[in-house]
Each structure stands twice: as C-alpha cells, then as structure tokens.
Amino acid sequence: MIRDLSRTQRVVLRDLATASETLSAFHFYQRHRFLPAQLSTAVSKLADAGIVAFDGSTLSLSEKGQKWVREQRWILRPEATGPCRSVPGEFVAQRVQAFEPYTPSLRRLHKSLRRVAKGTNGGR
C-alpha cells in the first residue's frame, strides 16, 4: 500500500494508533514540533491512501488505516535514532545468561576495587 514512510508519517501513525480519540493538528506541533507545512505534506499522502482522515484541524485513523497499522506492527515500535539510542559495536560485550557464573577481569577493575577483590582493604 504505502512504502517508504517518512519519519513524520511514522510519528503521525504511531500517535494516532495509540490515541484513544482524534488528535488535533496542534498536538503534533506541541509534542513533536512539526511545522504546519511539514504535517500537511505528511498527512496528504496518508489521506490520499485512505489511511488517515483529516478535516483541517483534527486527524484520525480510518477503518482501513486501523487495519493497516495492525498489519504493519513495526510502525508502533519506537525509533532507535539519535546518538544515545544505540550502543556502538566496540562497546558491546557477550551477554551473561541468568544464573551463569561470572568472574570480572581483575585487570579491568579500578585500582581501589582491585584491593578489595584481592582480599586486602588497603589498611582500612
């Protein structure tokens, strides 16, 4: 049906799918800082496809849109964008399973913790 949704379109669909009622166009400016032209461009493509109903001030998902969003579950997942949303590969380590024995590397510990780990308390 619709391919290559823009970020704005995904946000509009996600908000409409999780809303209990219709949403005003001002909601998208207030919450996401979408400009009227930006929102209009995003909504016009969705309205042409029959997914969103837009009467000039409020938006809602049509019956067809509700069914389509349910089928396209990826729309409801939060976006993993931004510098703090994903961990660079160089910092990803092998995960330890629950109840699996784990011994930290002593050479990676801070000097003050090494003394505690070796059994000396540094004279304290």
Protein backbone atom coordinates (compact mmCIF):
# COMPACT_ATOMS: atom_id res chain seq x y z
CA MET A 1 0.00 0.00 0.00
CA ILE A 2 2.40 2.71 1.19
CA ARG A 3 6.13 2.25 1.02
CA ASP A 4 8.95 4.43 2.29
CA LEU A 5 7.15 6.33 5.02
CA SER A 6 8.87 9.47 6.19
CA ARG A 7 9.72 9.95 9.86
CA THR A 8 6.88 12.45 10.18
CA GLN A 9 4.39 9.98 8.72
CA ARG A 10 5.56 7.21 11.08
CA VAL A 11 5.18 9.52 14.09
CA VAL A 12 1.69 10.59 12.97
CA LEU A 13 0.60 6.98 12.51
CA ARG A 14 2.11 5.90 15.82
CA ASP A 15 0.40 8.71 17.73
CA LEU A 16 -2.95 8.10 16.03
CA ALA A 17 -2.75 4.35 16.62
CA THR A 18 -2.09 4.78 20.35
CA ALA A 19 -4.56 7.65 20.86
CA SER A 20 -7.99 6.93 22.29
CA GLU A 21 -9.65 9.67 20.21
CA THR A 22 -8.86 12.00 17.35
CA LEU A 23 -5.83 14.24 17.66
CA SER A 24 -5.59 17.89 16.74
CA ALA A 25 -3.01 19.18 14.32
CA PHE A 26 -1.74 21.38 17.16
CA HIS A 27 -0.92 18.21 19.14
CA PHE A 28 1.79 17.36 16.60
CA TYR A 29 3.27 20.85 16.80
CA GLN A 30 3.14 20.92 20.59
CA ARG A 31 4.56 17.43 21.13
CA HIS A 32 6.89 16.93 18.15
CA ARG A 33 7.43 20.50 16.86
CA PHE A 34 6.12 19.62 13.38
CA LEU A 35 5.52 22.75 11.32
CA PRO A 36 2.12 23.06 9.59
CA ALA A 37 3.68 22.60 6.14
CA GLN A 38 5.61 19.54 7.31
CA LEU A 39 2.46 17.99 8.82
CA SER A 40 0.37 18.86 5.77
CA THR A 41 2.84 17.15 3.43
CA ALA A 42 2.95 14.04 5.59
CA VAL A 43 -0.80 13.80 6.09
CA SER A 44 -1.75 14.44 2.45
CA LYS A 45 -0.05 11.22 1.30
CA LEU A 46 -1.68 9.24 4.11
CA ALA A 47 -5.09 10.79 3.38
CA ASP A 48 -4.76 10.03 -0.35
CA ALA A 49 -4.15 6.37 0.53
CA GLY A 50 -7.24 6.39 2.76
CA ILE A 51 -5.34 5.65 5.96
CA VAL A 52 -5.90 8.96 7.76
CA ALA A 53 -8.97 11.16 7.88
CA PHE A 54 -8.10 14.86 8.15
CA ASP A 55 -10.76 17.57 8.34
CA GLY A 56 -8.42 20.55 8.56
CA SER A 57 -7.90 20.60 12.31
CA THR A 58 -8.22 17.02 13.58
CA LEU A 59 -6.72 13.74 12.46
CA SER A 60 -7.93 10.19 12.99
CA LEU A 61 -7.24 6.76 11.58
CA SER A 62 -9.84 5.48 9.16
CA GLU A 63 -11.14 1.90 9.36
CA LYS A 64 -8.75 1.00 6.55
CA GLY A 65 -5.94 2.76 8.42
CA GLN A 66 -6.61 0.91 11.67
CA LYS A 67 -6.45 -2.42 9.87
CA TRP A 68 -3.29 -1.41 8.01
CA VAL A 69 -1.50 -0.25 11.17
CA ARG A 70 -2.38 -3.52 12.93
CA GLU A 71 -0.85 -5.43 10.00
CA GLN A 72 2.24 -3.20 9.98
CA ARG A 73 3.30 -3.69 13.59
CA TRP A 74 6.74 -2.13 13.03
CA ILE A 75 5.08 1.29 12.97
CA LEU A 76 4.31 1.04 16.68
CA ARG A 77 7.90 0.28 17.68
CA PRO A 78 9.87 3.26 18.96
CA GLU A 79 12.56 4.58 16.69
CA ALA A 80 16.17 3.84 17.55
CA THR A 81 17.67 7.07 16.32
CA GLY A 82 19.94 9.60 17.91
CA PRO A 83 23.43 9.27 19.34
CA CYS A 84 22.32 7.75 22.67
CA ARG A 85 19.80 5.21 21.37
CA SER A 86 22.20 2.55 20.11
CA VAL A 87 25.40 1.14 21.54
CA PRO A 88 28.45 1.20 19.22
CA GLY A 89 29.73 -2.26 18.34
CA GLU A 90 33.08 -1.70 20.06
CA PHE A 91 31.30 -1.45 23.44
CA VAL A 92 29.05 -4.47 23.05
CA ALA A 93 30.24 -7.48 25.03
CA GLN A 94 28.99 -11.02 25.19
CA ARG A 95 25.91 -11.23 27.40
CA VAL A 96 25.93 -13.31 30.54
CA GLN A 97 22.91 -15.56 30.94
CA ALA A 98 20.86 -15.56 34.12
CA PHE A 99 22.42 -17.66 36.89
CA GLU A 100 25.59 -18.20 34.84
CA PRO A 101 28.78 -17.86 36.92
CA TYR A 102 30.66 -14.68 36.13
CA THR A 103 34.09 -13.51 37.24
CA PRO A 104 35.15 -10.00 36.24
CA SER A 105 38.59 -9.36 34.79
CA LEU A 106 40.75 -8.02 37.63
CA ARG A 107 42.97 -6.00 35.32
CA ARG A 108 39.94 -4.00 34.11
CA LEU A 109 38.89 -3.04 37.63
CA HIS A 110 39.78 0.33 39.09
CA LYS A 111 42.81 0.29 41.42
CA SER A 112 40.73 0.87 44.56
CA LEU A 113 38.50 -2.07 43.70
CA ARG A 114 41.43 -4.38 42.96
CA ARG A 115 42.50 -4.26 46.59
CA VAL A 116 39.04 -5.26 47.73
CA ALA A 117 38.87 -8.03 45.13
CA LYS A 118 42.26 -9.46 46.22
CA GLY A 119 41.22 -9.51 49.87
CA THR A 120 43.21 -6.53 51.15
CA ASN A 121 41.39 -3.49 52.27
CA GLY A 122 44.27 -1.07 51.87
CA GLY A 123 44.86 -0.65 55.64
CA ARG A 124 41.26 0.16 56.43
